[in-house]
Amino acid sequence: MTQKKLSNSKSQTLTKKPRNMELQIEDSVLVRDYISGDEKSLEILINRHNQRITSFIYSKVLDRDVTEDVFQDTFIKVIKTLKKGTYSEEGKFLPWVMRIAHNLIIDHFRKNKRMPKFEGNDDFNIFSVIGDDKLNAEKQIIKNQIDSDLRHLIEELPDDQKEVLLMRIYKDMSFKEISENTGVSINTALGRMRYALINLRKIIDKNNIVLTN
């Protein structure tokens, strides 16, 4: 499918409402039908999720032209993946597309050198997004990815630092409780937490990782 054709499908979603029958077809079925050669199935998927994906992209880039570009690139990547037969998340089409859009947004910011930098301090605000319970569906998807990314980064820390950080951030334990559970002084627990954050920042910088919320 060409970009022009995709653009036409996108513009039609502003005025065209899906038929009742289309609403009843599950995403996984439409994906399977498209892979089998039914081009109409992709159009239904685009129509169905256009508003949510476009709104999510715009909430990050705050530019309508960039939003359209990212939307186009997102579905071009979707099409290529489906055509190659490498799609393996049946039943989870929207979260998968949102992940693609999220990655393309990050690419856009990196290319334009506008990506918000990771900032952390002793108040542990690097983890603020994890504790946010007031998230819409789109932000929840990104929150889950950030949480997953952080878990992988934390695994690279020395065991004593990792232990304190997990207790503090994920178990919401006080340093007094951490001290009692680990058998070290409160000052030692504080020191391990501080070094854990310092090392976490180094890992993030070394791997050029961007965490956004």
N, C-alpha and C. Protein backbone atom coordinates (compact mmCIF):
# COMPACT_ATOMS: atom_id res chain seq x y z
N MET A 1 0.84 -1.19 0.00
CA MET A 1 0.00 0.00 0.00
C MET A 1 0.88 1.24 0.00
N THR A 2 0.60 2.19 -0.80
CA THR A 2 1.40 3.40 -0.88
C THR A 2 1.01 4.36 0.21
N GLN A 3 1.89 5.38 0.45
CA GLN A 3 1.58 6.38 1.45
C GLN A 3 0.34 7.16 1.05
N LYS A 4 0.16 7.41 -0.24
CA LYS A 4 -0.99 8.15 -0.72
C LYS A 4 -2.27 7.42 -0.38
N LYS A 5 -2.28 6.10 -0.61
CA LYS A 5 -3.46 5.31 -0.33
C LYS A 5 -3.76 5.31 1.16
N LEU A 6 -2.70 5.21 1.96
CA LEU A 6 -2.86 5.24 3.40
C LEU A 6 -3.41 6.57 3.84
N SER A 7 -2.91 7.64 3.25
CA SER A 7 -3.38 8.97 3.60
C SER A 7 -4.85 9.13 3.28
N ASN A 8 -5.27 8.59 2.11
CA ASN A 8 -6.67 8.69 1.73
C ASN A 8 -7.55 7.95 2.73
N SER A 9 -7.08 6.75 3.17
CA SER A 9 -7.85 5.99 4.14
C SER A 9 -7.96 6.76 5.44
N LYS A 10 -6.88 7.42 5.81
CA LYS A 10 -6.85 8.18 7.05
C LYS A 10 -7.81 9.34 7.02
N SER A 11 -7.81 10.08 5.90
CA SER A 11 -8.68 11.24 5.79
C SER A 11 -10.14 10.85 5.78
N GLN A 12 -10.44 9.66 5.27
CA GLN A 12 -11.82 9.22 5.21
C GLN A 12 -12.38 8.92 6.59
N THR A 13 -11.47 8.65 7.55
CA THR A 13 -11.96 8.29 8.87
C THR A 13 -12.59 9.47 9.57
N LEU A 14 -12.33 10.67 9.11
CA LEU A 14 -12.87 11.85 9.75
C LEU A 14 -14.38 11.99 9.49
N THR A 15 -14.84 11.41 8.39
CA THR A 15 -16.25 11.56 8.04
C THR A 15 -16.99 10.24 7.93
N LYS A 16 -16.26 9.16 7.79
CA LYS A 16 -16.89 7.86 7.56
C LYS A 16 -17.00 7.07 8.85
N LYS A 17 -18.20 6.62 9.19
CA LYS A 17 -18.40 5.82 10.39
C LYS A 17 -18.40 4.33 10.03
N PRO A 18 -17.73 3.52 10.84
CA PRO A 18 -17.71 2.08 10.57
C PRO A 18 -19.12 1.51 10.63
N ARG A 19 -19.40 0.55 9.80
CA ARG A 19 -20.69 -0.11 9.83
C ARG A 19 -20.76 -1.02 11.05
N ASN A 20 -22.00 -1.35 11.47
CA ASN A 20 -22.18 -2.19 12.66
C ASN A 20 -21.46 -3.52 12.53
N MET A 21 -21.49 -4.06 11.32
CA MET A 21 -20.82 -5.35 11.10
C MET A 21 -19.32 -5.21 11.33
N GLU A 22 -18.75 -4.08 10.90
CA GLU A 22 -17.32 -3.88 11.08
C GLU A 22 -16.97 -3.77 12.55
N LEU A 23 -17.86 -3.17 13.33
CA LEU A 23 -17.60 -3.01 14.75
C LEU A 23 -17.58 -4.35 15.48
N GLN A 24 -18.29 -5.32 14.93
CA GLN A 24 -18.40 -6.61 15.59
C GLN A 24 -17.23 -7.54 15.29
N ILE A 25 -16.43 -7.20 14.30
CA ILE A 25 -15.28 -8.05 13.92
C ILE A 25 -14.10 -7.74 14.83
N GLU A 26 -13.55 -8.74 15.47
CA GLU A 26 -12.42 -8.52 16.36
C GLU A 26 -11.16 -8.14 15.59
N ASP A 27 -10.29 -7.39 16.25
CA ASP A 27 -9.04 -6.97 15.61
C ASP A 27 -8.25 -8.16 15.10
N SER A 28 -8.19 -9.21 15.91
CA SER A 28 -7.38 -10.37 15.54
C SER A 28 -7.88 -11.01 14.24
N VAL A 29 -9.21 -10.99 14.06
CA VAL A 29 -9.79 -11.55 12.84
C VAL A 29 -9.44 -10.67 11.65
N LEU A 30 -9.54 -9.36 11.83
CA LEU A 30 -9.21 -8.42 10.75
C LEU A 30 -7.74 -8.52 10.36
N VAL A 31 -6.88 -8.67 11.36
CA VAL A 31 -5.45 -8.83 11.07
C VAL A 31 -5.22 -10.10 10.26
N ARG A 32 -5.84 -11.17 10.67
CA ARG A 32 -5.68 -12.44 9.95
C ARG A 32 -6.20 -12.32 8.52
N ASP A 33 -7.35 -11.65 8.36
CA ASP A 33 -7.92 -11.47 7.02
C ASP A 33 -7.02 -10.62 6.14
N TYR A 34 -6.43 -9.58 6.74
CA TYR A 34 -5.53 -8.72 5.94
C TYR A 34 -4.30 -9.50 5.50
N ILE A 35 -3.74 -10.27 6.41
CA ILE A 35 -2.57 -11.08 6.06
C ILE A 35 -2.91 -12.06 4.95
N SER A 36 -4.18 -12.48 4.92
CA SER A 36 -4.63 -13.42 3.89
C SER A 36 -4.95 -12.73 2.57
N GLY A 37 -4.84 -11.39 2.56
CA GLY A 37 -5.02 -10.68 1.29
C GLY A 37 -6.21 -9.75 1.21
N ASP A 38 -6.98 -9.62 2.29
CA ASP A 38 -8.15 -8.74 2.28
C ASP A 38 -7.74 -7.33 2.69
N GLU A 39 -7.48 -6.47 1.70
CA GLU A 39 -7.03 -5.11 1.97
C GLU A 39 -8.06 -4.30 2.77
N LYS A 40 -9.32 -4.60 2.59
CA LYS A 40 -10.39 -3.89 3.28
C LYS A 40 -10.27 -4.01 4.80
N SER A 41 -9.73 -5.12 5.26
CA SER A 41 -9.61 -5.35 6.69
C SER A 41 -8.69 -4.34 7.35
N LEU A 42 -7.62 -3.97 6.65
CA LEU A 42 -6.71 -2.97 7.20
C LEU A 42 -7.40 -1.61 7.29
N GLU A 43 -8.19 -1.29 6.28
CA GLU A 43 -8.92 -0.02 6.29
C GLU A 43 -9.86 0.06 7.49
N ILE A 44 -10.50 -1.07 7.81
CA ILE A 44 -11.40 -1.11 8.97
C ILE A 44 -10.60 -0.88 10.25
N LEU A 45 -9.44 -1.50 10.35
CA LEU A 45 -8.59 -1.33 11.53
C LEU A 45 -8.15 0.12 11.69
N ILE A 46 -7.77 0.74 10.58
CA ILE A 46 -7.35 2.14 10.63
C ILE A 46 -8.52 3.02 11.06
N ASN A 47 -9.69 2.78 10.46
CA ASN A 47 -10.88 3.55 10.82
C ASN A 47 -11.21 3.40 12.31
N ARG A 48 -11.08 2.18 12.79
CA ARG A 48 -11.47 1.88 14.17
C ARG A 48 -10.57 2.56 15.18
N HIS A 49 -9.28 2.60 14.91
CA HIS A 49 -8.33 3.08 15.92
C HIS A 49 -7.71 4.43 15.59
N ASN A 50 -8.14 5.03 14.50
CA ASN A 50 -7.55 6.29 14.05
C ASN A 50 -7.53 7.35 15.15
N GLN A 51 -8.69 7.59 15.77
CA GLN A 51 -8.79 8.68 16.72
C GLN A 51 -7.91 8.47 17.94
N ARG A 52 -7.90 7.26 18.48
CA ARG A 52 -7.11 6.99 19.69
C ARG A 52 -5.62 7.12 19.41
N ILE A 53 -5.19 6.59 18.27
CA ILE A 53 -3.76 6.65 17.94
C ILE A 53 -3.34 8.07 17.62
N THR A 54 -4.15 8.77 16.84
CA THR A 54 -3.83 10.14 16.48
C THR A 54 -3.80 11.04 17.72
N SER A 55 -4.76 10.86 18.61
CA SER A 55 -4.80 11.66 19.84
C SER A 55 -3.57 11.39 20.70
N PHE A 56 -3.19 10.13 20.77
CA PHE A 56 -2.00 9.79 21.55
C PHE A 56 -0.75 10.44 20.97
N ILE A 57 -0.57 10.34 19.67
CA ILE A 57 0.60 10.94 19.03
C ILE A 57 0.62 12.45 19.24
N TYR A 58 -0.53 13.08 19.02
CA TYR A 58 -0.60 14.54 19.16
C TYR A 58 -0.31 14.97 20.59
N SER A 59 -0.74 14.19 21.57
CA SER A 59 -0.50 14.55 22.97
C SER A 59 0.99 14.58 23.29
N LYS A 60 1.78 13.88 22.49
CA LYS A 60 3.23 13.85 22.71
C LYS A 60 3.98 14.89 21.89
N VAL A 61 3.59 15.07 20.63
CA VAL A 61 4.36 15.94 19.74
C VAL A 61 3.77 17.35 19.64
N LEU A 62 2.47 17.50 19.92
CA LEU A 62 1.79 18.80 19.91
C LEU A 62 1.95 19.54 18.59
N ASP A 63 1.92 18.79 17.51
CA ASP A 63 2.04 19.38 16.18
C ASP A 63 1.25 18.50 15.21
N ARG A 64 0.30 19.11 14.51
CA ARG A 64 -0.58 18.31 13.66
C ARG A 64 0.15 17.70 12.47
N ASP A 65 1.07 18.44 11.86
CA ASP A 65 1.82 17.90 10.72
C ASP A 65 2.68 16.73 11.15
N VAL A 66 3.36 16.88 12.29
CA VAL A 66 4.19 15.79 12.81
C VAL A 66 3.32 14.60 13.19
N THR A 67 2.15 14.88 13.75
CA THR A 67 1.22 13.82 14.11
C THR A 67 0.85 13.00 12.88
N GLU A 68 0.54 13.67 11.78
CA GLU A 68 0.18 12.96 10.55
C GLU A 68 1.34 12.13 10.03
N ASP A 69 2.54 12.71 10.10
CA ASP A 69 3.73 11.98 9.62
C ASP A 69 3.96 10.72 10.45
N VAL A 70 3.88 10.86 11.78
CA VAL A 70 4.10 9.71 12.66
C VAL A 70 3.01 8.67 12.45
N PHE A 71 1.76 9.13 12.28
CA PHE A 71 0.67 8.20 12.02
C PHE A 71 0.93 7.41 10.74
N GLN A 72 1.33 8.12 9.68
CA GLN A 72 1.62 7.46 8.40
C GLN A 72 2.74 6.43 8.58
N ASP A 73 3.82 6.86 9.23
CA ASP A 73 4.97 5.97 9.41
C ASP A 73 4.61 4.75 10.27
N THR A 74 3.74 4.99 11.24
CA THR A 74 3.30 3.89 12.11
C THR A 74 2.62 2.80 11.30
N PHE A 75 1.68 3.19 10.45
CA PHE A 75 0.94 2.16 9.70
C PHE A 75 1.74 1.61 8.52
N ILE A 76 2.69 2.37 8.04
CA ILE A 76 3.60 1.81 7.04
C ILE A 76 4.40 0.67 7.67
N LYS A 77 4.84 0.90 8.91
CA LYS A 77 5.58 -0.15 9.62
C LYS A 77 4.66 -1.32 9.94
N VAL A 78 3.41 -1.02 10.32
CA VAL A 78 2.43 -2.07 10.58
C VAL A 78 2.25 -2.94 9.34
N ILE A 79 2.06 -2.28 8.20
CA ILE A 79 1.84 -2.99 6.94
C ILE A 79 3.03 -3.88 6.59
N LYS A 80 4.24 -3.33 6.71
CA LYS A 80 5.44 -4.09 6.39
C LYS A 80 5.56 -5.33 7.28
N THR A 81 5.27 -5.14 8.57
CA THR A 81 5.37 -6.26 9.51
C THR A 81 4.35 -7.34 9.19
N LEU A 82 3.12 -6.92 8.92
CA LEU A 82 2.07 -7.88 8.59
C LEU A 82 2.38 -8.61 7.28
N LYS A 83 2.88 -7.86 6.30
CA LYS A 83 3.19 -8.45 5.00
C LYS A 83 4.32 -9.48 5.11
N LYS A 84 5.27 -9.20 6.00
CA LYS A 84 6.40 -10.11 6.17
C LYS A 84 6.01 -11.34 6.98
N GLY A 85 4.84 -11.27 7.63
CA GLY A 85 4.40 -12.41 8.41
C GLY A 85 5.08 -12.54 9.76
N THR A 86 5.63 -11.43 10.26
CA THR A 86 6.34 -11.48 11.54
C THR A 86 5.51 -10.98 12.70
N TYR A 87 4.26 -10.64 12.46
CA TYR A 87 3.37 -10.19 13.54
C TYR A 87 3.00 -11.39 14.40
N SER A 88 3.16 -11.26 15.71
CA SER A 88 2.91 -12.41 16.59
C SER A 88 2.14 -12.02 17.85
N GLU A 89 1.39 -10.92 17.79
CA GLU A 89 0.66 -10.48 18.97
C GLU A 89 -0.84 -10.49 18.70
N GLU A 90 -1.33 -11.59 18.21
CA GLU A 90 -2.74 -11.70 17.88
C GLU A 90 -3.61 -11.40 19.10
N GLY A 91 -4.63 -10.58 18.89
CA GLY A 91 -5.51 -10.20 19.98
C GLY A 91 -5.04 -8.96 20.71
N LYS A 92 -3.84 -8.46 20.38
CA LYS A 92 -3.30 -7.28 21.04
C LYS A 92 -2.87 -6.24 20.00
N PHE A 93 -3.69 -6.06 19.01
CA PHE A 93 -3.32 -5.20 17.89
C PHE A 93 -3.09 -3.76 18.32
N LEU A 94 -4.03 -3.17 19.05
CA LEU A 94 -3.88 -1.76 19.42
C LEU A 94 -2.65 -1.48 20.28
N PRO A 95 -2.41 -2.25 21.36
CA PRO A 95 -1.18 -2.01 22.13
C PRO A 95 0.07 -2.14 21.28
N TRP A 96 0.07 -3.07 20.35
CA TRP A 96 1.22 -3.25 19.46
C TRP A 96 1.42 -2.01 18.59
N VAL A 97 0.35 -1.50 18.02
CA VAL A 97 0.45 -0.29 17.17
C VAL A 97 0.88 0.90 18.01
N MET A 98 0.36 1.00 19.23
CA MET A 98 0.74 2.12 20.11
C MET A 98 2.23 2.07 20.44
N ARG A 99 2.75 0.86 20.60
CA ARG A 99 4.19 0.73 20.86
C ARG A 99 5.00 1.23 19.66
N ILE A 100 4.55 0.88 18.47
CA ILE A 100 5.24 1.35 17.26
C ILE A 100 5.20 2.87 17.20
N ALA A 101 4.02 3.44 17.46
CA ALA A 101 3.88 4.90 17.44
C ALA A 101 4.78 5.54 18.49
N HIS A 102 4.81 4.94 19.66
CA HIS A 102 5.66 5.47 20.74
C HIS A 102 7.13 5.48 20.33
N ASN A 103 7.58 4.39 19.73
CA ASN A 103 8.98 4.33 19.30
C ASN A 103 9.28 5.35 18.20
N LEU A 104 8.34 5.56 17.32
CA LEU A 104 8.54 6.54 16.25
C LEU A 104 8.53 7.96 16.80
N ILE A 105 7.75 8.20 17.84
CA ILE A 105 7.78 9.52 18.49
C ILE A 105 9.15 9.77 19.09
N ILE A 106 9.70 8.76 19.75
CA ILE A 106 11.04 8.88 20.31
C ILE A 106 12.06 9.14 19.21
N ASP A 107 11.94 8.42 18.10
CA ASP A 107 12.85 8.65 16.97
C ASP A 107 12.74 10.08 16.47
N HIS A 108 11.52 10.59 16.40
CA HIS A 108 11.31 11.97 15.94
C HIS A 108 12.03 12.96 16.85
N PHE A 109 11.87 12.79 18.16
CA PHE A 109 12.50 13.71 19.09
C PHE A 109 14.02 13.60 19.04
N ARG A 110 14.52 12.39 18.88
CA ARG A 110 15.96 12.20 18.82
C ARG A 110 16.54 12.90 17.59
N LYS A 111 15.86 12.73 16.45
CA LYS A 111 16.33 13.36 15.21
C LYS A 111 16.33 14.87 15.32
N ASN A 112 15.37 15.39 16.05
CA ASN A 112 15.25 16.85 16.20
C ASN A 112 15.90 17.36 17.47
N LYS A 113 16.56 16.45 18.18
CA LYS A 113 17.29 16.79 19.39
C LYS A 113 16.40 17.51 20.40
N ARG A 114 15.16 17.04 20.52
CA ARG A 114 14.22 17.66 21.45
C ARG A 114 13.73 16.67 22.51
N MET A 115 14.31 15.49 22.51
CA MET A 115 13.81 14.49 23.44
C MET A 115 14.07 14.92 24.88
N PRO A 116 13.04 14.93 25.72
CA PRO A 116 13.24 15.26 27.13
C PRO A 116 14.28 14.32 27.73
N LYS A 117 15.23 14.88 28.40
CA LYS A 117 16.31 14.08 28.98
C LYS A 117 15.86 13.42 30.27
N PHE A 118 16.49 12.30 30.55
CA PHE A 118 16.23 11.63 31.82
C PHE A 118 16.79 12.48 32.95
N GLU A 119 15.98 12.71 33.95
CA GLU A 119 16.45 13.44 35.12
C GLU A 119 16.01 12.68 36.37
N GLY A 120 16.94 12.48 37.27
CA GLY A 120 16.59 11.83 38.52
C GLY A 120 17.31 12.54 39.65
N ASN A 121 16.76 12.50 40.83
CA ASN A 121 17.43 13.08 41.98
C ASN A 121 17.12 12.23 43.19
N ASP A 122 17.48 12.72 44.35
CA ASP A 122 17.31 11.92 45.56
C ASP A 122 15.86 11.74 45.96
N ASP A 123 14.94 12.44 45.31
CA ASP A 123 13.52 12.26 45.58
C ASP A 123 12.92 11.15 44.71
N PHE A 124 13.79 10.52 43.90
CA PHE A 124 13.42 9.34 43.12
C PHE A 124 12.35 9.64 42.07
N ASN A 125 12.32 10.87 41.51
CA ASN A 125 11.24 11.20 40.57
C ASN A 125 11.36 10.47 39.24
N ILE A 126 12.45 9.74 39.02
CA ILE A 126 12.55 8.88 37.85
C ILE A 126 11.40 7.88 37.84
N PHE A 127 10.93 7.51 39.02
CA PHE A 127 9.90 6.47 39.11
C PHE A 127 8.49 7.03 39.26
N SER A 128 8.33 8.34 39.10
CA SER A 128 7.02 8.95 39.35
C SER A 128 5.93 8.36 38.48
N VAL A 129 6.27 8.01 37.23
CA VAL A 129 5.24 7.49 36.33
C VAL A 129 4.70 6.14 36.79
N ILE A 130 5.53 5.36 37.47
CA ILE A 130 5.11 4.03 37.90
C ILE A 130 3.97 4.11 38.92
N GLY A 131 4.00 5.15 39.77
CA GLY A 131 2.99 5.26 40.80
C GLY A 131 1.75 6.03 40.39
N ASP A 132 1.65 6.42 39.14
CA ASP A 132 0.51 7.20 38.68
C ASP A 132 -0.65 6.28 38.34
N ASP A 133 -1.69 6.32 39.15
CA ASP A 133 -2.85 5.44 38.93
C ASP A 133 -3.90 6.08 38.04
N LYS A 134 -3.73 7.34 37.69
CA LYS A 134 -4.74 8.06 36.91
C LYS A 134 -4.28 8.18 35.46
N LEU A 135 -4.24 7.06 34.78
CA LEU A 135 -3.76 7.02 33.41
C LEU A 135 -4.84 6.52 32.49
N ASN A 136 -4.93 7.14 31.29
CA ASN A 136 -5.86 6.61 30.30
C ASN A 136 -5.23 5.38 29.64
N ALA A 137 -5.96 4.76 28.74
CA ALA A 137 -5.50 3.50 28.15
C ALA A 137 -4.18 3.65 27.43
N GLU A 138 -4.03 4.76 26.67
CA GLU A 138 -2.81 4.95 25.90
C GLU A 138 -1.61 5.14 26.82
N LYS A 139 -1.77 5.99 27.83
CA LYS A 139 -0.66 6.24 28.75
C LYS A 139 -0.33 5.00 29.57
N GLN A 140 -1.34 4.19 29.83
CA GLN A 140 -1.10 2.95 30.57
C GLN A 140 -0.19 2.03 29.78
N ILE A 141 -0.37 1.99 28.47
CA ILE A 141 0.47 1.16 27.62
C ILE A 141 1.93 1.60 27.74
N ILE A 142 2.14 2.92 27.66
CA ILE A 142 3.51 3.45 27.74
C ILE A 142 4.07 3.26 29.15
N LYS A 143 3.23 3.45 30.16
CA LYS A 143 3.68 3.23 31.54
C LYS A 143 4.18 1.81 31.72
N ASN A 144 3.44 0.86 31.17
CA ASN A 144 3.84 -0.54 31.29
C ASN A 144 5.19 -0.79 30.63
N GLN A 145 5.43 -0.14 29.49
CA GLN A 145 6.70 -0.31 28.80
C GLN A 145 7.84 0.31 29.61
N ILE A 146 7.59 1.50 30.17
CA ILE A 146 8.62 2.15 30.99
C ILE A 146 8.94 1.28 32.20
N ASP A 147 7.90 0.76 32.84
CA ASP A 147 8.09 -0.11 33.99
C ASP A 147 8.94 -1.32 33.62
N SER A 148 8.63 -1.91 32.47
CA SER A 148 9.39 -3.08 32.00
C SER A 148 10.84 -2.72 31.72
N ASP A 149 11.06 -1.56 31.06
CA ASP A 149 12.41 -1.12 30.75
C ASP A 149 13.22 -0.90 32.03
N LEU A 150 12.59 -0.28 33.02
CA LEU A 150 13.28 -0.01 34.29
C LEU A 150 13.65 -1.30 34.99
N ARG A 151 12.76 -2.27 34.95
CA ARG A 151 13.05 -3.55 35.59
C ARG A 151 14.30 -4.19 35.00
N HIS A 152 14.42 -4.11 33.67
CA HIS A 152 15.60 -4.67 33.02
C HIS A 152 16.86 -3.90 33.42
N LEU A 153 16.76 -2.59 33.52
CA LEU A 153 17.92 -1.77 33.90
C LEU A 153 18.33 -2.08 35.34
N ILE A 154 17.35 -2.21 36.21
CA ILE A 154 17.64 -2.47 37.62
C ILE A 154 18.38 -3.79 37.80
N GLU A 155 18.10 -4.76 36.93
CA GLU A 155 18.76 -6.06 37.02
C GLU A 155 20.27 -5.95 36.81
N GLU A 156 20.72 -4.86 36.20
CA GLU A 156 22.16 -4.68 35.97
C GLU A 156 22.89 -4.11 37.18
N LEU A 157 22.15 -3.70 38.19
CA LEU A 157 22.77 -3.12 39.38
C LEU A 157 23.38 -4.21 40.26
N PRO A 158 24.38 -3.84 41.10
CA PRO A 158 24.90 -4.79 42.09
C PRO A 158 23.76 -5.26 43.00
N ASP A 159 23.86 -6.48 43.50
CA ASP A 159 22.76 -7.07 44.26
C ASP A 159 22.35 -6.25 45.48
N ASP A 160 23.32 -5.69 46.22
CA ASP A 160 22.95 -4.95 47.43
C ASP A 160 22.19 -3.66 47.09
N GLN A 161 22.59 -3.01 45.99
CA GLN A 161 21.90 -1.80 45.56
C GLN A 161 20.52 -2.13 44.98
N LYS A 162 20.47 -3.19 44.23
CA LYS A 162 19.20 -3.60 43.62
C LYS A 162 18.19 -3.95 44.71
N GLU A 163 18.64 -4.64 45.74
CA GLU A 163 17.75 -5.05 46.82
C GLU A 163 17.11 -3.84 47.50
N VAL A 164 17.91 -2.83 47.82
CA VAL A 164 17.40 -1.64 48.49
C VAL A 164 16.45 -0.86 47.58
N LEU A 165 16.83 -0.74 46.31
CA LEU A 165 16.00 0.02 45.37
C LEU A 165 14.64 -0.63 45.18
N LEU A 166 14.61 -1.94 45.04
CA LEU A 166 13.34 -2.64 44.85
C LEU A 166 12.44 -2.51 46.08
N MET A 167 13.05 -2.59 47.25
CA MET A 167 12.27 -2.43 48.47
C MET A 167 11.69 -1.02 48.58
N ARG A 168 12.50 -0.04 48.22
CA ARG A 168 12.08 1.35 48.36
C ARG A 168 11.04 1.74 47.31
N ILE A 169 11.26 1.37 46.07
CA ILE A 169 10.40 1.83 44.98
C ILE A 169 9.18 0.95 44.78
N TYR A 170 9.39 -0.35 44.72
CA TYR A 170 8.30 -1.25 44.37
C TYR A 170 7.52 -1.78 45.58
N LYS A 171 8.17 -1.80 46.75
CA LYS A 171 7.48 -2.26 47.95
C LYS A 171 7.12 -1.11 48.88
N ASP A 172 7.55 0.10 48.51
CA ASP A 172 7.23 1.32 49.26
C ASP A 172 7.62 1.21 50.73
N MET A 173 8.79 0.63 50.96
CA MET A 173 9.26 0.47 52.33
C MET A 173 10.06 1.68 52.76
N SER A 174 9.97 2.01 54.05
CA SER A 174 10.78 3.10 54.59
C SER A 174 12.22 2.62 54.75
N PHE A 175 13.15 3.56 54.93
CA PHE A 175 14.54 3.14 55.09
C PHE A 175 14.74 2.42 56.43
N LYS A 176 13.89 2.72 57.40
CA LYS A 176 13.94 1.99 58.67
C LYS A 176 13.56 0.53 58.44
N GLU A 177 12.50 0.31 57.65
CA GLU A 177 12.06 -1.05 57.33
C GLU A 177 13.11 -1.78 56.49
N ILE A 178 13.71 -1.05 55.54
CA ILE A 178 14.76 -1.66 54.71
C ILE A 178 15.94 -2.07 55.58
N SER A 179 16.30 -1.20 56.54
CA SER A 179 17.40 -1.49 57.45
C SER A 179 17.12 -2.76 58.24
N GLU A 180 15.90 -2.88 58.75
CA GLU A 180 15.54 -4.06 59.55
C GLU A 180 15.52 -5.32 58.71
N ASN A 181 15.11 -5.22 57.45
CA ASN A 181 15.00 -6.40 56.59
C ASN A 181 16.34 -6.85 56.01
N THR A 182 17.27 -5.91 55.87
CA THR A 182 18.56 -6.25 55.26
C THR A 182 19.67 -6.43 56.30
N GLY A 183 19.40 -6.00 57.53
CA GLY A 183 20.41 -6.15 58.57
C GLY A 183 21.53 -5.14 58.49
N VAL A 184 21.30 -4.02 57.81
CA VAL A 184 22.32 -2.96 57.74
C VAL A 184 21.73 -1.71 58.38
N SER A 185 22.60 -0.73 58.64
CA SER A 185 22.14 0.51 59.26
C SER A 185 21.32 1.34 58.26
N ILE A 186 20.55 2.29 58.79
CA ILE A 186 19.76 3.16 57.93
C ILE A 186 20.68 3.96 57.01
N ASN A 187 21.80 4.42 57.52
CA ASN A 187 22.74 5.18 56.70
C ASN A 187 23.28 4.34 55.55
N THR A 188 23.54 3.08 55.83
CA THR A 188 24.04 2.18 54.77
C THR A 188 22.96 1.98 53.72
N ALA A 189 21.71 1.81 54.16
CA ALA A 189 20.61 1.64 53.22
C ALA A 189 20.45 2.88 52.35
N LEU A 190 20.55 4.06 52.98
CA LEU A 190 20.48 5.32 52.23
C LEU A 190 21.60 5.42 51.21
N GLY A 191 22.79 5.01 51.62
CA GLY A 191 23.94 5.06 50.72
C GLY A 191 23.76 4.13 49.53
N ARG A 192 23.26 2.94 49.79
CA ARG A 192 23.04 1.98 48.69
C ARG A 192 21.99 2.50 47.71
N MET A 193 20.95 3.14 48.25
CA MET A 193 19.93 3.70 47.38
C MET A 193 20.52 4.81 46.51
N ARG A 194 21.32 5.65 47.12
CA ARG A 194 21.94 6.74 46.37
C ARG A 194 22.83 6.21 45.26
N TYR A 195 23.66 5.22 45.58
CA TYR A 195 24.55 4.64 44.56
C TYR A 195 23.75 3.89 43.50
N ALA A 196 22.64 3.30 43.89
CA ALA A 196 21.79 2.60 42.92
C ALA A 196 21.28 3.59 41.88
N LEU A 197 20.84 4.77 42.34
CA LEU A 197 20.32 5.78 41.41
C LEU A 197 21.43 6.34 40.52
N ILE A 198 22.61 6.55 41.14
CA ILE A 198 23.74 7.06 40.35
C ILE A 198 24.12 6.06 39.26
N ASN A 199 24.19 4.79 39.62
CA ASN A 199 24.56 3.76 38.65
C ASN A 199 23.47 3.56 37.61
N LEU A 200 22.22 3.71 38.02
CA LEU A 200 21.11 3.59 37.08
C LEU A 200 21.19 4.68 36.02
N ARG A 201 21.52 5.88 36.45
CA ARG A 201 21.68 6.98 35.49
C ARG A 201 22.83 6.70 34.51
N LYS A 202 23.90 6.14 35.04
CA LYS A 202 25.05 5.82 34.18
C LYS A 202 24.66 4.77 33.13
N ILE A 203 23.90 3.76 33.55
CA ILE A 203 23.45 2.72 32.61
C ILE A 203 22.57 3.33 31.53
N ILE A 204 21.68 4.23 31.95
CA ILE A 204 20.78 4.88 30.99
C ILE A 204 21.57 5.72 30.00
N ASP A 205 22.52 6.51 30.52
CA ASP A 205 23.32 7.36 29.64
C ASP A 205 24.19 6.54 28.70
N LYS A 206 24.78 5.47 29.22
CA LYS A 206 25.67 4.63 28.42
C LYS A 206 24.95 3.97 27.26
N ASN A 207 23.71 3.59 27.50
CA ASN A 207 22.94 2.90 26.46
C ASN A 207 22.03 3.84 25.68
N ASN A 208 22.15 5.15 25.95
CA ASN A 208 21.34 6.15 25.24
C ASN A 208 19.86 5.81 25.31
N ILE A 209 19.41 5.45 26.50
CA ILE A 209 18.02 5.06 26.70
C ILE A 209 17.21 6.31 27.09
N VAL A 210 16.01 6.40 26.54
CA VAL A 210 15.11 7.51 26.84
C VAL A 210 13.89 6.98 27.55
N LEU A 211 13.60 7.54 28.71
CA LEU A 211 12.39 7.17 29.45
C LEU A 211 11.44 8.36 29.42
N THR A 212 10.24 8.14 28.91
CA THR A 212 9.24 9.21 28.84
C THR A 212 7.98 8.75 29.51
N ASN A 213 7.16 9.72 29.92
CA ASN A 213 5.87 9.35 30.48
C ASN A 213 4.78 10.17 29.82
